[in-house]
Amino acid sequence: MTQETTGTNRRNFLKLAGTAAPAAAVAVATVGTSAEAQTVDLQSETMQDTAHTRAYFESARF
């Protein structure tokens, strides 16, 4: 009744994706380096590199 196919199917892809994503997250977490935030320039129109923005980016990393 079932037809066997050789090659990658959806189930194998999902198994691989489920194990590869945590491994990639661990690799990114260990490679990241810590840097000091710059002083705030109130005259600038762009987003500032502050401790607050760094904390946001750290929490948003996935």
PDB file of N, CA and C in Angstrom:
ATOM      1  N   MET A   1       0.808  -1.192   0.000  1.00  0.00           N
ATOM      2  CA  MET A   1       0.000   0.000   0.000  1.00  0.00           C
ATOM      3  C   MET A   1       0.859   1.267   0.000  1.00  0.00           C
ATOM      4  N   THR A   2       1.937   1.281   0.779  1.00  0.00           N
ATOM      5  CA  THR A   2       2.775   2.473   0.789  1.00  0.00           C
ATOM      6  C   THR A   2       3.856   2.340  -0.261  1.00  0.00           C
ATOM      7  N   GLN A   3       4.221   3.451  -0.799  1.00  0.00           N
ATOM      8  CA  GLN A   3       5.240   3.458  -1.840  1.00  0.00           C
ATOM      9  C   GLN A   3       6.513   4.041  -1.239  1.00  0.00           C
ATOM     10  N   GLU A   4       7.570   3.247  -1.205  1.00  0.00           N
ATOM     11  CA  GLU A   4       8.846   3.695  -0.656  1.00  0.00           C
ATOM     12  C   GLU A   4       9.593   4.508  -1.707  1.00  0.00           C
ATOM     13  N   THR A   5      10.122   5.631  -1.286  1.00  0.00           N
ATOM     14  CA  THR A   5      10.913   6.446  -2.203  1.00  0.00           C
ATOM     15  C   THR A   5      12.306   6.594  -1.627  1.00  0.00           C
ATOM     16  N   THR A   6      13.267   6.641  -2.487  1.00  0.00           N
ATOM     17  CA  THR A   6      14.631   6.868  -2.029  1.00  0.00           C
ATOM     18  C   THR A   6      14.905   8.354  -2.120  1.00  0.00           C
ATOM     19  N   GLY A   7      15.676   8.857  -1.202  1.00  0.00           N
ATOM     20  CA  GLY A   7      15.975  10.278  -1.187  1.00  0.00           C
ATOM     21  C   GLY A   7      15.382  10.928   0.045  1.00  0.00           C
ATOM     22  N   THR A   8      15.429  12.229   0.059  1.00  0.00           N
ATOM     23  CA  THR A   8      14.954  12.990   1.202  1.00  0.00           C
ATOM     24  C   THR A   8      13.457  13.240   1.077  1.00  0.00           C
ATOM     25  N   ASN A   9      12.754  12.905   2.135  1.00  0.00           N
ATOM     26  CA  ASN A   9      11.330  13.212   2.156  1.00  0.00           C
ATOM     27  C   ASN A   9      11.063  14.252   3.235  1.00  0.00           C
ATOM     28  N   ARG A  10       9.843  14.617   3.409  1.00  0.00           N
ATOM     29  CA  ARG A  10       9.482  15.673   4.346  1.00  0.00           C
ATOM     30  C   ARG A  10       9.829  15.307   5.783  1.00  0.00           C
ATOM     31  N   ARG A  11       9.596  14.068   6.173  1.00  0.00           N
ATOM     32  CA  ARG A  11       9.868  13.650   7.541  1.00  0.00           C
ATOM     33  C   ARG A  11      11.364  13.727   7.854  1.00  0.00           C
ATOM     34  N   ASN A  12      12.202  13.273   6.931  1.00  0.00           N
ATOM     35  CA  ASN A  12      13.646  13.350   7.151  1.00  0.00           C
ATOM     36  C   ASN A  12      14.115  14.797   7.199  1.00  0.00           C
ATOM     37  N   PHE A  13      13.526  15.642   6.367  1.00  0.00           N
ATOM     38  CA  PHE A  13      13.884  17.051   6.387  1.00  0.00           C
ATOM     39  C   PHE A  13      13.543  17.684   7.734  1.00  0.00           C
ATOM     40  N   LEU A  14      12.370  17.381   8.267  1.00  0.00           N
ATOM     41  CA  LEU A  14      11.969  17.956   9.548  1.00  0.00           C
ATOM     42  C   LEU A  14      12.838  17.436  10.689  1.00  0.00           C
ATOM     43  N   LYS A  15      13.257  16.182  10.626  1.00  0.00           N
ATOM     44  CA  LYS A  15      14.175  15.658  11.644  1.00  0.00           C
ATOM     45  C   LYS A  15      15.494  16.410  11.599  1.00  0.00           C
ATOM     46  N   LEU A  16      16.016  16.618  10.398  1.00  0.00           N
ATOM     47  CA  LEU A  16      17.277  17.331  10.243  1.00  0.00           C
ATOM     48  C   LEU A  16      17.140  18.781  10.694  1.00  0.00           C
ATOM     49  N   ALA A  17      16.056  19.435  10.325  1.00  0.00           N
ATOM     50  CA  ALA A  17      15.848  20.827  10.704  1.00  0.00           C
ATOM     51  C   ALA A  17      15.696  20.967  12.213  1.00  0.00           C
ATOM     52  N   GLY A  18      15.061  19.991  12.849  1.00  0.00           N
ATOM     53  CA  GLY A  18      14.882  20.041  14.298  1.00  0.00           C
ATOM     54  C   GLY A  18      16.178  19.891  15.062  1.00  0.00           C
ATOM     55  N   THR A  19      17.140  19.180  14.510  1.00  0.00           N
ATOM     56  CA  THR A  19      18.422  19.009  15.194  1.00  0.00           C
ATOM     57  C   THR A  19      19.434  20.054  14.773  1.00  0.00           C
ATOM     58  N   ALA A  20      19.310  20.600  13.575  1.00  0.00           N
ATOM     59  CA  ALA A  20      20.279  21.574  13.089  1.00  0.00           C
ATOM     60  C   ALA A  20      20.060  22.954  13.703  1.00  0.00           C
ATOM     61  N   ALA A  21      18.824  23.332  13.968  1.00  0.00           N
ATOM     62  CA  ALA A  21      18.546  24.663  14.508  1.00  0.00           C
ATOM     63  C   ALA A  21      19.156  24.868  15.896  1.00  0.00           C
ATOM     64  N   PRO A  22      18.998  23.939  16.848  1.00  0.00           N
ATOM     65  CA  PRO A  22      19.654  24.140  18.142  1.00  0.00           C
ATOM     66  C   PRO A  22      21.177  24.146  18.037  1.00  0.00           C
ATOM     67  N   ALA A  23      21.728  23.353  17.141  1.00  0.00           N
ATOM     68  CA  ALA A  23      23.181  23.339  16.966  1.00  0.00           C
ATOM     69  C   ALA A  23      23.667  24.680  16.430  1.00  0.00           C
ATOM     70  N   ALA A  24      22.924  25.275  15.522  1.00  0.00           N
ATOM     71  CA  ALA A  24      23.294  26.582  14.990  1.00  0.00           C
ATOM     72  C   ALA A  24      23.178  27.656  16.067  1.00  0.00           C
ATOM     73  N   ALA A  25      22.170  27.563  16.916  1.00  0.00           N
ATOM     74  CA  ALA A  25      22.003  28.541  17.997  1.00  0.00           C
ATOM     75  C   ALA A  25      23.150  28.456  18.991  1.00  0.00           C
ATOM     76  N   VAL A  26      23.595  27.257  19.291  1.00  0.00           N
ATOM     77  CA  VAL A  26      24.731  27.087  20.204  1.00  0.00           C
ATOM     78  C   VAL A  26      25.991  27.639  19.571  1.00  0.00           C
ATOM     79  N   ALA A  27      26.179  27.417  18.284  1.00  0.00           N
ATOM     80  CA  ALA A  27      27.364  27.930  17.601  1.00  0.00           C
ATOM     81  C   ALA A  27      27.385  29.452  17.603  1.00  0.00           C
ATOM     82  N   VAL A  28      26.253  30.071  17.387  1.00  0.00           N
ATOM     83  CA  VAL A  28      26.183  31.535  17.391  1.00  0.00           C
ATOM     84  C   VAL A  28      26.414  32.074  18.795  1.00  0.00           C
ATOM     85  N   ALA A  29      25.875  31.411  19.798  1.00  0.00           N
ATOM     86  CA  ALA A  29      26.018  31.884  21.176  1.00  0.00           C
ATOM     87  C   ALA A  29      27.461  31.793  21.646  1.00  0.00           C
ATOM     88  N   THR A  30      28.203  30.804  21.199  1.00  0.00           N
ATOM     89  CA  THR A  30      29.577  30.656  21.655  1.00  0.00           C
ATOM     90  C   THR A  30      30.537  31.531  20.874  1.00  0.00           C
ATOM     91  N   VAL A  31      30.191  31.914  19.648  1.00  0.00           N
ATOM     92  CA  VAL A  31      31.083  32.705  18.815  1.00  0.00           C
ATOM     93  C   VAL A  31      30.995  34.185  19.156  1.00  0.00           C
ATOM     94  N   GLY A  32      29.850  34.661  19.615  1.00  0.00           N
ATOM     95  CA  GLY A  32      29.645  36.079  19.877  1.00  0.00           C
ATOM     96  C   GLY A  32      30.650  36.644  20.869  1.00  0.00           C
ATOM     97  N   THR A  33      31.056  37.872  20.614  1.00  0.00           N
ATOM     98  CA  THR A  33      31.999  38.532  21.503  1.00  0.00           C
ATOM     99  C   THR A  33      31.299  39.692  22.193  1.00  0.00           C
ATOM    100  N   SER A  34      31.779  40.034  23.344  1.00  0.00           N
ATOM    101  CA  SER A  34      31.197  41.121  24.111  1.00  0.00           C
ATOM    102  C   SER A  34      31.940  42.409  23.793  1.00  0.00           C
ATOM    103  N   ALA A  35      31.206  43.489  23.635  1.00  0.00           N
ATOM    104  CA  ALA A  35      31.808  44.783  23.354  1.00  0.00           C
ATOM    105  C   ALA A  35      31.123  45.832  24.214  1.00  0.00           C
ATOM    106  N   GLU A  36      31.830  46.891  24.461  1.00  0.00           N
ATOM    107  CA  GLU A  36      31.289  47.984  25.260  1.00  0.00           C
ATOM    108  C   GLU A  36      30.420  48.881  24.386  1.00  0.00           C
ATOM    109  N   ALA A  37      29.350  49.398  24.954  1.00  0.00           N
ATOM    110  CA  ALA A  37      28.472  50.314  24.235  1.00  0.00           C
ATOM    111  C   ALA A  37      29.130  51.688  24.146  1.00  0.00           C
ATOM    112  N   GLN A  38      28.840  52.394  23.066  1.00  0.00           N
ATOM    113  CA  GLN A  38      29.394  53.724  22.872  1.00  0.00           C
ATOM    114  C   GLN A  38      28.586  54.753  23.649  1.00  0.00           C
ATOM    115  N   THR A  39      29.164  55.936  23.800  1.00  0.00           N
ATOM    116  CA  THR A  39      28.424  57.010  24.454  1.00  0.00           C
ATOM    117  C   THR A  39      27.314  57.485  23.525  1.00  0.00           C
ATOM    118  N   VAL A  40      26.257  58.015  24.096  1.00  0.00           N
ATOM    119  CA  VAL A  40      25.077  58.417  23.330  1.00  0.00           C
ATOM    120  C   VAL A  40      25.314  59.779  22.692  1.00  0.00           C
ATOM    121  N   ASP A  41      25.055  59.856  21.374  1.00  0.00           N
ATOM    122  CA  ASP A  41      25.131  61.115  20.636  1.00  0.00           C
ATOM    123  C   ASP A  41      23.705  61.609  20.428  1.00  0.00           C
ATOM    124  N   LEU A  42      23.289  62.627  21.173  1.00  0.00           N
ATOM    125  CA  LEU A  42      21.910  63.098  21.122  1.00  0.00           C
ATOM    126  C   LEU A  42      21.579  63.837  19.832  1.00  0.00           C
ATOM    127  N   GLN A  43      22.567  64.270  19.070  1.00  0.00           N
ATOM    128  CA  GLN A  43      22.330  64.993  17.822  1.00  0.00           C
ATOM    129  C   GLN A  43      22.104  64.061  16.633  1.00  0.00           C
ATOM    130  N   SER A  44      22.395  62.790  16.795  1.00  0.00           N
ATOM    131  CA  SER A  44      22.294  61.842  15.688  1.00  0.00           C
ATOM    132  C   SER A  44      20.853  61.389  15.479  1.00  0.00           C
ATOM    133  N   GLU A  45      20.490  61.134  14.220  1.00  0.00           N
ATOM    134  CA  GLU A  45      19.155  60.663  13.867  1.00  0.00           C
ATOM    135  C   GLU A  45      19.085  59.138  13.807  1.00  0.00           C
ATOM    136  N   THR A  46      20.213  58.469  13.848  1.00  0.00           N
ATOM    137  CA  THR A  46      20.236  57.010  13.714  1.00  0.00           C
ATOM    138  C   THR A  46      20.124  56.342  15.079  1.00  0.00           C
ATOM    139  N   MET A  47      19.870  55.050  15.054  1.00  0.00           N
ATOM    140  CA  MET A  47      19.763  54.288  16.296  1.00  0.00           C
ATOM    141  C   MET A  47      21.124  54.246  16.991  1.00  0.00           C
ATOM    142  N   GLN A  48      21.115  54.461  18.284  1.00  0.00           N
ATOM    143  CA  GLN A  48      22.347  54.521  19.051  1.00  0.00           C
ATOM    144  C   GLN A  48      22.770  53.143  19.535  1.00  0.00           C
ATOM    145  N   ASP A  49      24.061  52.944  19.666  1.00  0.00           N
ATOM    146  CA  ASP A  49      24.621  51.706  20.189  1.00  0.00           C
ATOM    147  C   ASP A  49      24.775  51.868  21.703  1.00  0.00           C
ATOM    148  N   THR A  50      23.719  51.513  22.441  1.00  0.00           N
ATOM    149  CA  THR A  50      23.733  51.655  23.892  1.00  0.00           C
ATOM    150  C   THR A  50      23.557  50.295  24.547  1.00  0.00           C
ATOM    151  N   ALA A  51      23.689  50.262  25.849  1.00  0.00           N
ATOM    152  CA  ALA A  51      23.484  49.014  26.584  1.00  0.00           C
ATOM    153  C   ALA A  51      22.052  48.521  26.406  1.00  0.00           C
ATOM    154  N   HIS A  52      21.109  49.454  26.301  1.00  0.00           N
ATOM    155  CA  HIS A  52      19.703  49.085  26.120  1.00  0.00           C
ATOM    156  C   HIS A  52      19.485  48.383  24.779  1.00  0.00           C
ATOM    157  N   THR A  53      20.046  48.945  23.698  1.00  0.00           N
ATOM    158  CA  THR A  53      19.872  48.306  22.390  1.00  0.00           C
ATOM    159  C   THR A  53      20.615  46.982  22.318  1.00  0.00           C
ATOM    160  N   ARG A  54      21.772  46.877  22.949  1.00  0.00           N
ATOM    161  CA  ARG A  54      22.501  45.599  22.965  1.00  0.00           C
ATOM    162  C   ARG A  54      21.717  44.536  23.729  1.00  0.00           C
ATOM    163  N   ALA A  55      21.075  44.926  24.830  1.00  0.00           N
ATOM    164  CA  ALA A  55      20.264  43.968  25.587  1.00  0.00           C
ATOM    165  C   ALA A  55      19.084  43.494  24.752  1.00  0.00           C
ATOM    166  N   TYR A  56      18.494  44.398  23.987  1.00  0.00           N
ATOM    167  CA  TYR A  56      17.386  44.007  23.113  1.00  0.00           C
ATOM    168  C   TYR A  56      17.859  43.026  22.044  1.00  0.00           C
ATOM    169  N   PHE A  57      18.969  43.325  21.406  1.00  0.00           N
ATOM    170  CA  PHE A  57      19.471  42.434  20.362  1.00  0.00           C
ATOM    171  C   PHE A  57      19.857  41.071  20.930  1.00  0.00           C
ATOM    172  N   GLU A  58      20.400  41.025  22.136  1.00  0.00           N
ATOM    173  CA  GLU A  58      20.733  39.744  22.770  1.00  0.00           C
ATOM    174  C   GLU A  58      19.475  38.935  23.050  1.00  0.00           C
ATOM    175  N   SER A  59      18.403  39.616  23.477  1.00  0.00           N
ATOM    176  CA  SER A  59      17.169  38.887  23.774  1.00  0.00           C
ATOM    177  C   SER A  59      16.448  38.456  22.507  1.00  0.00           C
ATOM    178  N   ALA A  60      16.660  39.165  21.395  1.00  0.00           N
ATOM    179  CA  ALA A  60      15.982  38.832  20.143  1.00  0.00           C
ATOM    180  C   ALA A  60      16.747  37.811  19.319  1.00  0.00           C
ATOM    181  N   ARG A  61      17.961  37.464  19.722  1.00  0.00           N
ATOM    182  CA  ARG A  61      18.766  36.512  18.953  1.00  0.00           C
ATOM    183  C   ARG A  61      18.155  35.126  19.045  1.00  0.00           C
ATOM    184  N   PHE A  62      18.063  34.462  17.913  1.00  0.00           N
ATOM    185  CA  PHE A  62      17.550  33.097  17.891  1.00  0.00           C
ATOM    186  C   PHE A  62      18.279  32.283  16.867  1.00  0.00           C
TER     187      PHE A  62
END
